[in-house]
Amino acid sequence: MISAILKVVREMLVQRITMLTLTGCNYGNLISDSGGGLAMFKTIKDHPIFAVIGAVAAITGIVIGVLSLVEPKYAKFTSGAICGNSEETITTHPYQFRECKNPNKVKGYEYKEDVSQSSGWVGGGHDQNWHCTNVKRRKEAAVGQSIVWSNQRSSEQSKKSTLGKVSYKYHCTITAQWTPIYEVERWEGCGEAPPKIEIIEEPKTCFDKTQRIGWKWSWE
């Protein structure tokens, strides 16, 4: 096959030289001496240089053909720094409700105090509960909010004057708690919880064209 290619290339070169010779010479002289011209072309055609030129042209064609089927092989990486990152947005609903204080669930109070007061000497018509109620009202007015009362203890004293009039003194001690601390939880009173949006980045895979590691066929 290569010899056939060389033959074709040689014939093409001979035809090209013939055309150039005919163009640059005097046609009249060549036609009048056709015998000598034909001998000259025959001598040129059979010259060994044309075999060399044909071989070089054939090899050059083969090399160019092979090179057209070969391409560089580059290193393959999975790296965000080289190839960049792909982003994926994921939306989830991990909670149904927002988080806030639940006024229906009291877990304690910020303030706690045992309030203890005496009424001083008063006349008849009163009792221990009357005095404890006054103690509660005065304390609630002082703190400016309602108070949770518990563990009430009370007592009384009495005395009689020389004229026989009886007076009473009441004592009241009661535990006061105010400013409630509520449980913080997720419940319907807080409203619907917003979705959770998360962006996940994954490094891409690509070929680093700054790092050639060899060659490969174009169809690979």
Protein backbone atom coordinates (compact mmCIF):
# COMPACT_ATOMS: atom_id res chain seq x y z
CA MET A 1 0.00 0.00 0.00
CA ILE A 2 2.85 2.37 0.83
CA SER A 3 4.54 1.69 -2.53
CA ALA A 4 1.29 2.55 -4.29
CA ILE A 5 1.08 5.83 -2.35
CA LEU A 6 4.68 6.64 -3.25
CA LYS A 7 3.95 5.97 -6.91
CA VAL A 8 0.94 8.29 -6.89
CA VAL A 9 2.90 11.05 -5.14
CA ARG A 10 5.79 10.69 -7.63
CA GLU A 11 3.42 10.90 -10.59
CA MET A 12 1.81 14.02 -9.10
CA LEU A 13 5.20 15.67 -8.62
CA VAL A 14 6.24 14.85 -12.22
CA GLN A 15 3.00 16.34 -13.52
CA ARG A 16 3.55 19.48 -11.45
CA ILE A 17 7.13 19.97 -12.69
CA THR A 18 6.01 19.37 -16.28
CA MET A 19 3.35 22.07 -15.99
CA LEU A 20 5.82 24.54 -14.49
CA THR A 21 8.38 23.78 -17.20
CA LEU A 22 5.85 24.24 -19.97
CA THR A 23 4.71 27.52 -18.44
CA GLY A 24 8.23 29.00 -18.08
CA CYS A 25 9.68 27.90 -21.44
CA ASN A 26 9.18 28.86 -25.04
CA TYR A 27 6.45 26.61 -26.42
CA GLY A 28 7.65 27.06 -29.98
CA ASN A 29 11.14 25.73 -29.26
CA LEU A 30 9.81 22.80 -27.26
CA ILE A 31 7.32 21.77 -29.95
CA SER A 32 9.93 22.02 -32.70
CA ASP A 33 12.25 19.77 -30.72
CA SER A 34 9.67 17.40 -29.26
CA GLY A 35 12.04 14.44 -29.35
CA GLY A 36 14.59 16.11 -27.12
CA GLY A 37 11.87 17.40 -24.72
CA LEU A 38 10.39 13.96 -24.24
CA ALA A 39 13.79 12.53 -23.50
CA MET A 40 14.38 15.27 -20.91
CA PHE A 41 11.06 14.57 -19.11
CA LYS A 42 11.75 10.86 -19.11
CA THR A 43 15.14 11.48 -17.57
CA ILE A 44 13.59 13.74 -14.84
CA LYS A 45 10.80 11.28 -14.14
CA ASP A 46 13.20 8.41 -13.52
CA HIS A 47 15.61 10.47 -11.37
CA PRO A 48 16.11 8.90 -7.82
CA ILE A 49 15.39 12.20 -6.09
CA PHE A 50 11.73 11.84 -6.94
CA ALA A 51 11.57 8.51 -5.15
CA VAL A 52 13.00 10.19 -2.04
CA ILE A 53 10.59 13.10 -2.31
CA GLY A 54 7.68 10.71 -2.73
CA ALA A 55 8.74 8.69 0.28
CA VAL A 56 9.06 11.83 2.43
CA ALA A 57 5.64 13.05 1.29
CA ALA A 58 4.06 9.68 2.06
CA ILE A 59 5.64 9.47 5.51
CA THR A 60 4.60 13.05 6.22
CA GLY A 61 1.02 12.21 5.26
CA ILE A 62 1.03 9.14 7.47
CA VAL A 63 2.44 11.10 10.43
CA ILE A 64 -0.14 13.87 9.99
CA GLY A 65 -2.89 11.27 9.78
CA VAL A 66 -1.76 9.54 12.94
CA LEU A 67 -1.37 12.82 14.83
CA SER A 68 -4.91 13.80 13.92
CA LEU A 69 -6.11 10.70 15.77
CA VAL A 70 -4.06 11.42 18.93
CA GLU A 71 -4.84 13.96 21.62
CA PRO A 72 -3.33 14.87 25.00
CA LYS A 73 -4.31 12.97 28.14
CA TYR A 74 -4.76 15.21 31.19
CA ALA A 75 -4.86 14.46 34.89
CA LYS A 76 -8.34 14.00 36.35
CA PHE A 77 -9.20 15.63 39.68
CA THR A 78 -12.13 15.98 42.04
CA SER A 79 -11.38 19.33 43.62
CA GLY A 80 -13.32 22.48 44.38
CA ALA A 81 -10.17 24.60 44.02
CA ILE A 82 -9.49 23.32 40.47
CA CYS A 83 -12.92 22.39 39.10
CA GLY A 84 -15.24 24.51 41.22
CA ASN A 85 -18.20 23.34 43.32
CA SER A 86 -21.72 22.30 42.50
CA GLU A 87 -24.47 23.61 44.79
CA GLU A 88 -27.63 21.81 45.86
CA THR A 89 -30.38 23.49 47.88
CA ILE A 90 -32.21 21.19 50.30
CA THR A 91 -35.42 22.35 52.02
CA THR A 92 -36.71 20.44 55.04
CA HIS A 93 -39.35 21.00 57.76
CA PRO A 94 -37.80 19.54 60.93
CA TYR A 95 -40.31 21.29 63.24
CA GLN A 96 -44.03 22.00 62.98
CA PHE A 97 -44.10 24.97 65.41
CA ARG A 98 -41.77 27.74 66.48
CA GLU A 99 -40.20 27.75 69.95
CA CYS A 100 -41.45 30.15 72.63
CA LYS A 101 -42.63 30.38 76.24
CA ASN A 102 -45.77 28.43 77.10
CA PRO A 103 -47.82 30.45 79.63
CA ASN A 104 -49.76 27.30 80.48
CA LYS A 105 -46.66 25.65 81.95
CA VAL A 106 -44.97 27.40 84.89
CA LYS A 107 -41.75 25.76 86.02
CA GLY A 108 -40.89 28.24 88.78
CA TYR A 109 -40.72 31.90 89.87
CA GLU A 110 -37.99 34.48 89.82
CA TYR A 111 -38.85 35.81 93.26
CA LYS A 112 -39.85 34.07 96.49
CA GLU A 113 -40.26 35.68 99.89
CA ASP A 114 -41.83 34.95 103.26
CA VAL A 115 -43.90 38.06 104.10
CA SER A 116 -44.51 38.57 107.80
CA GLN A 117 -46.47 41.47 109.34
CA SER A 118 -48.42 42.34 112.48
CA SER A 119 -51.60 44.42 112.54
CA GLY A 120 -51.01 46.36 115.68
CA TRP A 121 -53.73 46.56 118.38
CA VAL A 122 -57.24 46.85 116.95
CA GLY A 123 -60.70 46.59 118.34
CA GLY A 124 -63.10 43.72 117.96
CA GLY A 125 -64.83 42.74 114.73
CA HIS A 126 -61.70 41.46 112.95
CA ASP A 127 -59.92 38.13 112.64
CA GLN A 128 -56.68 36.56 111.45
CA ASN A 129 -57.87 36.13 107.82
CA TRP A 130 -58.75 39.80 107.67
CA HIS A 131 -55.21 40.72 108.61
CA CYS A 132 -53.59 38.22 106.16
CA THR A 133 -55.75 39.59 103.32
CA ASN A 134 -54.46 43.10 104.08
CA VAL A 135 -50.87 41.76 104.05
CA LYS A 136 -51.42 40.25 100.60
CA ARG A 137 -52.93 43.41 99.15
CA ARG A 138 -50.12 45.62 100.40
CA LYS A 139 -47.43 43.28 98.98
CA GLU A 140 -49.11 42.99 95.56
CA ALA A 141 -49.39 46.78 95.37
CA ALA A 142 -45.68 47.03 96.16
CA VAL A 143 -44.49 44.60 93.43
CA GLY A 144 -47.08 45.70 90.87
CA GLN A 145 -48.25 42.22 89.84
CA SER A 146 -50.26 39.30 91.07
CA ILE A 147 -48.60 36.98 93.56
CA VAL A 148 -48.98 33.27 94.17
CA TRP A 149 -49.49 32.79 97.91
CA SER A 150 -48.87 29.64 99.92
CA ASN A 151 -48.07 28.30 103.37
CA GLN A 152 -50.09 30.84 105.36
CA ARG A 153 -49.46 30.97 109.13
CA SER A 154 -51.33 33.30 111.48
CA SER A 155 -51.89 33.98 115.15
CA GLU A 156 -53.40 36.61 117.47
CA GLN A 157 -53.01 38.28 120.84
CA SER A 158 -55.58 39.96 123.02
CA LYS A 159 -55.65 42.27 126.02
CA LYS A 160 -58.31 43.93 128.19
CA SER A 161 -58.15 47.50 129.40
CA THR A 162 -59.03 48.63 132.95
CA LEU A 163 -62.39 49.61 131.58
CA GLY A 164 -62.92 46.08 130.26
CA LYS A 165 -62.40 46.85 126.56
CA VAL A 166 -60.71 44.00 124.64
CA SER A 167 -58.13 44.71 121.90
CA TYR A 168 -56.52 42.32 119.46
CA LYS A 169 -53.21 42.08 117.59
CA TYR A 170 -52.95 39.78 114.59
CA HIS A 171 -49.81 38.22 113.13
CA CYS A 172 -49.55 36.75 109.60
CA THR A 173 -46.66 35.04 107.82
CA ILE A 174 -47.21 33.87 104.24
CA THR A 175 -44.98 32.77 101.36
CA ALA A 176 -45.13 34.95 98.24
CA GLN A 177 -43.91 33.99 94.74
CA TRP A 178 -44.08 36.23 91.68
CA THR A 179 -42.72 36.74 88.14
CA PRO A 180 -43.35 33.25 86.76
CA ILE A 181 -40.79 31.34 84.70
CA TYR A 182 -42.48 29.51 81.83
CA GLU A 183 -41.42 26.38 80.00
CA VAL A 184 -39.89 27.11 76.60
CA GLU A 185 -41.16 24.61 74.03
CA ARG A 186 -42.58 24.21 70.56
CA TRP A 187 -46.36 24.46 70.60
CA GLU A 188 -49.19 25.84 68.47
CA GLY A 189 -49.22 29.17 70.33
CA CYS A 190 -45.81 30.02 68.82
CA GLY A 191 -47.00 29.76 65.20
CA GLU A 192 -45.77 27.64 62.30
CA ALA A 193 -42.02 27.02 62.13
CA PRO A 194 -40.21 28.20 58.96
CA PRO A 195 -38.56 25.63 56.68
CA LYS A 196 -34.88 24.89 57.04
CA ILE A 197 -32.91 25.73 53.91
CA GLU A 198 -29.47 24.19 53.56
CA ILE A 199 -27.02 24.67 50.69
CA ILE A 200 -24.68 21.72 50.16
CA GLU A 201 -21.52 22.20 48.10
CA GLU A 202 -19.84 19.26 46.39
CA PRO A 203 -16.50 19.50 44.53
CA LYS A 204 -16.73 18.87 40.78
CA THR A 205 -14.60 16.41 38.79
CA CYS A 206 -12.66 17.71 35.79
CA PHE A 207 -9.45 17.42 33.78
CA ASP A 208 -6.62 19.78 34.73
CA LYS A 209 -5.26 20.92 31.37
CA THR A 210 -2.18 22.31 33.04
CA GLN A 211 -1.02 18.77 33.88
CA ARG A 212 -0.60 16.53 30.85
CA ILE A 213 0.15 12.92 31.81
CA GLY A 214 0.41 11.38 28.34
CA TRP A 215 -1.43 10.83 25.06
CA LYS A 216 -4.50 8.89 24.02
CA TRP A 217 -6.50 8.01 20.95
CA SER A 218 -9.28 10.46 20.17
CA TRP A 219 -11.98 7.80 20.53
CA GLU A 220 -10.98 6.82 24.05
